[in-house]
Amino acid sequence: MKTVYFNEASAEHTSEVLSIVKDFAEQNRQIEHIVVATTEGTTGLLASRMFKDKNVVVVTHQTGFAAPNENELDEKVRSEILAEGASVLTATHAFAGIPRGIRRELGSWETTEILAVAYRTFGQGTKVCCEIAMMAADAGYVPVDRDVICIAGTGRGADTAWIIQPANTHAFPKIKMRACLCKPIDF
């Protein structure tokens, strides 16, 4: 297995990332789940169309992430993703939640946000891949005893993909970041 390195983080890598994942998934049919991060839905919709033979879980930002009472995923796009047979998961970010609220209000850092910073040293997409694997496990969309493929990016689109054995958030030390399929070098 080889890792593809992009020179920079960019949404322009989305098609290539999906192609890399498709090639790997076709050679590794035992992997049944693809977990993909999406904000406005473009990447999630592309993945839900491309991986019809897999259980696709599209993970959105939590409601209220950008603005109170709002979700950035348009309802029309959400409906299209669901019509393609994928699942949509909207939940609190595994590395954020209450600790982010404490940091914003009191200025003190909590363990989960420190972990997020540590994961970001490998790139934003790597942090998000780890996070969405746990979120999907907590929601019951993916197993914790088998590998899945997670796709994420830096800002919009996709520039990162990992093979991960998920863990529930309460069992975080058991997550296994098995192999990186692709990621940017500069981020």
Protein backbone atom coordinates (compact mmCIF):
# COMPACT_ATOMS: atom_id res chain seq x y z
CA MET A 1 0.00 0.00 0.00
CA LYS A 2 1.24 3.46 -0.80
CA THR A 3 0.37 6.84 0.61
CA VAL A 4 -0.27 9.68 -1.83
CA TYR A 5 1.02 13.04 -0.66
CA PHE A 6 -0.44 16.26 -2.03
CA ASN A 7 1.82 19.33 -2.00
CA GLU A 8 -0.82 21.45 -0.26
CA ALA A 9 -4.18 21.20 1.46
CA SER A 10 -6.94 21.93 -1.03
CA ALA A 11 -10.52 21.08 -1.89
CA GLU A 12 -9.22 20.64 -5.44
CA HIS A 13 -7.97 17.18 -4.40
CA THR A 14 -11.50 15.88 -3.71
CA SER A 15 -11.92 13.89 -6.92
CA GLU A 16 -8.47 12.32 -6.59
CA VAL A 17 -9.08 11.43 -2.94
CA LEU A 18 -12.34 9.70 -3.85
CA SER A 19 -10.58 7.86 -6.67
CA ILE A 20 -7.78 6.71 -4.33
CA VAL A 21 -10.35 5.46 -1.83
CA LYS A 22 -12.35 3.71 -4.58
CA ASP A 23 -9.25 1.88 -5.82
CA PHE A 24 -8.33 0.80 -2.31
CA ALA A 25 -11.89 -0.25 -1.46
CA GLU A 26 -12.16 -2.36 -4.63
CA GLN A 27 -8.99 -4.23 -3.62
CA ASN A 28 -10.09 -4.56 0.02
CA ARG A 29 -13.72 -5.63 -0.16
CA GLN A 30 -13.75 -6.60 3.53
CA ILE A 31 -14.01 -2.89 4.33
CA GLU A 32 -17.73 -2.20 4.26
CA HIS A 33 -17.97 1.36 5.63
CA ILE A 34 -16.91 4.72 4.24
CA VAL A 35 -17.20 7.68 6.64
CA VAL A 36 -16.95 11.09 5.04
CA ALA A 37 -16.97 14.58 6.52
CA THR A 38 -19.05 17.23 4.80
CA THR A 39 -19.96 20.82 5.60
CA GLU A 40 -22.32 22.04 2.91
CA GLY A 41 -22.80 18.56 1.41
CA THR A 42 -20.81 18.53 -1.81
CA THR A 43 -18.22 15.95 -0.67
CA GLY A 44 -20.84 13.87 1.10
CA LEU A 45 -23.04 13.75 -1.98
CA LEU A 46 -20.12 12.81 -4.24
CA ALA A 47 -19.12 9.98 -1.89
CA SER A 48 -22.69 8.72 -1.52
CA ARG A 49 -22.93 8.47 -5.31
CA MET A 50 -19.51 6.86 -5.78
CA PHE A 51 -19.68 4.18 -3.07
CA LYS A 52 -23.08 2.60 -3.69
CA ASP A 53 -21.69 -0.82 -2.73
CA LYS A 54 -20.58 0.40 0.73
CA ASN A 55 -22.28 1.68 3.85
CA VAL A 56 -21.61 5.40 3.53
CA VAL A 57 -21.93 7.62 6.58
CA VAL A 58 -21.86 11.35 5.85
CA VAL A 59 -20.91 13.33 8.97
CA THR A 60 -21.93 16.99 9.12
CA HIS A 61 -20.98 19.83 11.41
CA GLN A 62 -23.13 19.92 14.49
CA THR A 63 -26.11 22.24 14.43
CA GLY A 64 -25.04 25.61 15.84
CA PHE A 65 -21.41 25.21 14.71
CA ALA A 66 -21.44 28.30 12.49
CA ALA A 67 -24.56 30.06 13.78
CA PRO A 68 -27.14 29.34 16.51
CA ASN A 69 -29.94 26.98 15.44
CA GLU A 70 -28.46 26.49 11.96
CA ASN A 71 -26.88 23.55 10.20
CA GLU A 72 -24.62 24.25 7.23
CA LEU A 73 -25.91 21.20 5.33
CA ASP A 74 -28.77 22.36 3.15
CA GLU A 75 -31.90 20.21 3.61
CA LYS A 76 -32.16 19.61 -0.14
CA VAL A 77 -28.62 18.22 -0.23
CA ARG A 78 -29.29 16.15 2.90
CA SER A 79 -32.31 14.65 1.11
CA GLU A 80 -30.21 13.88 -1.98
CA ILE A 81 -27.57 12.12 0.14
CA LEU A 82 -30.24 10.04 1.85
CA ALA A 83 -31.84 9.23 -1.53
CA GLU A 84 -28.47 7.82 -2.64
CA GLY A 85 -28.69 5.32 0.25
CA ALA A 86 -26.16 6.92 2.57
CA SER A 87 -26.73 7.81 6.21
CA VAL A 88 -26.33 11.35 7.53
CA LEU A 89 -24.95 11.89 11.01
CA THR A 90 -25.20 15.28 12.69
CA ALA A 91 -23.70 15.17 16.17
CA THR A 92 -21.42 16.99 18.57
CA HIS A 93 -17.80 16.86 17.44
CA ALA A 94 -15.92 14.20 19.36
CA PHE A 95 -12.98 16.49 20.19
CA ALA A 96 -15.15 19.51 21.04
CA GLY A 97 -18.51 19.54 22.80
CA ILE A 98 -18.54 20.81 26.36
CA PRO A 99 -14.72 21.24 26.52
CA ARG A 100 -14.89 23.77 23.64
CA GLY A 101 -17.59 25.68 25.50
CA ILE A 102 -15.42 25.78 28.64
CA ARG A 103 -12.42 27.01 26.66
CA ARG A 104 -14.47 29.74 24.97
CA GLU A 105 -16.08 30.91 28.21
CA LEU A 106 -13.26 30.40 30.70
CA GLY A 107 -10.14 30.31 28.55
CA SER A 108 -9.01 26.96 29.91
CA TRP A 109 -8.10 24.03 27.67
CA GLU A 110 -9.55 20.58 28.25
CA THR A 111 -8.02 17.23 27.29
CA THR A 112 -10.10 16.58 24.18
CA GLU A 113 -9.23 19.91 22.61
CA ILE A 114 -5.55 19.31 23.35
CA LEU A 115 -5.87 15.95 21.58
CA ALA A 116 -7.44 17.74 18.60
CA VAL A 117 -4.45 20.10 18.44
CA ALA A 118 -2.07 17.12 18.56
CA TYR A 119 -3.92 15.35 15.73
CA ARG A 120 -3.86 18.57 13.67
CA THR A 121 -0.05 18.36 13.63
CA PHE A 122 -0.65 15.67 10.99
CA GLY A 123 -3.15 17.92 9.18
CA GLN A 124 -6.72 19.05 9.73
CA GLY A 125 -8.03 16.18 7.63
CA THR A 126 -6.28 13.60 9.83
CA LYS A 127 -7.85 15.11 12.95
CA VAL A 128 -11.28 15.08 11.31
CA CYS A 129 -10.87 11.46 10.12
CA CYS A 130 -10.18 10.34 13.70
CA GLU A 131 -13.06 12.43 15.00
CA ILE A 132 -15.68 11.24 12.50
CA ALA A 133 -14.67 7.60 13.08
CA MET A 134 -15.52 8.00 16.78
CA MET A 135 -18.69 9.98 16.09
CA ALA A 136 -19.95 7.29 13.69
CA ALA A 137 -19.08 4.57 16.21
CA ASP A 138 -20.91 6.39 19.02
CA ALA A 139 -24.00 6.70 16.80
CA GLY A 140 -23.87 2.99 15.92
CA TYR A 141 -23.22 3.54 12.21
CA VAL A 142 -19.86 1.71 12.12
CA PRO A 143 -18.42 -1.26 14.01
CA VAL A 144 -15.51 -0.88 16.41
CA ASP A 145 -14.07 -4.30 15.60
CA ARG A 146 -13.46 -3.76 11.86
CA ASP A 147 -11.66 -1.21 9.74
CA VAL A 148 -13.44 1.62 7.93
CA ILE A 149 -12.20 4.28 5.53
CA CYS A 150 -12.55 7.90 6.64
CA ILE A 151 -12.39 10.87 4.27
CA ALA A 152 -11.99 14.49 5.32
CA GLY A 153 -10.33 17.72 4.32
CA THR A 154 -8.99 21.09 5.28
CA GLY A 155 -11.85 23.56 5.21
CA ARG A 156 -13.94 22.37 2.25
CA GLY A 157 -13.62 19.29 0.06
CA ALA A 158 -11.37 16.31 0.75
CA ASP A 159 -7.60 16.03 0.86
CA THR A 160 -7.14 13.21 3.38
CA ALA A 161 -8.17 9.57 3.74
CA TRP A 162 -7.29 7.05 6.45
CA ILE A 163 -8.00 3.41 7.18
CA ILE A 164 -9.16 3.37 10.80
CA GLN A 165 -10.45 0.85 13.28
CA PRO A 166 -12.92 3.08 15.13
CA ALA A 167 -13.46 3.29 18.86
CA ASN A 168 -16.25 4.84 20.86
CA THR A 169 -15.31 8.15 22.44
CA HIS A 170 -15.34 6.58 25.91
CA ALA A 171 -12.72 4.10 24.64
CA PHE A 172 -10.62 6.64 22.70
CA PRO A 173 -7.22 5.00 23.41
CA LYS A 174 -8.40 1.94 21.46
CA ILE A 175 -8.78 3.77 18.14
CA LYS A 176 -6.32 2.50 15.54
CA MET A 177 -5.14 4.86 12.81
CA ARG A 178 -4.05 1.94 10.61
CA ALA A 179 -2.81 3.59 7.42
CA CYS A 180 -2.95 6.86 5.58
CA LEU A 181 -4.15 6.60 1.98
CA CYS A 182 -3.51 10.27 1.20
CA LYS A 183 -2.87 13.62 2.85
CA PRO A 184 -1.34 17.01 2.17
CA ILE A 185 2.29 17.68 3.08
CA ASP A 186 1.76 21.40 3.60
CA PHE A 187 -1.32 22.40 5.60
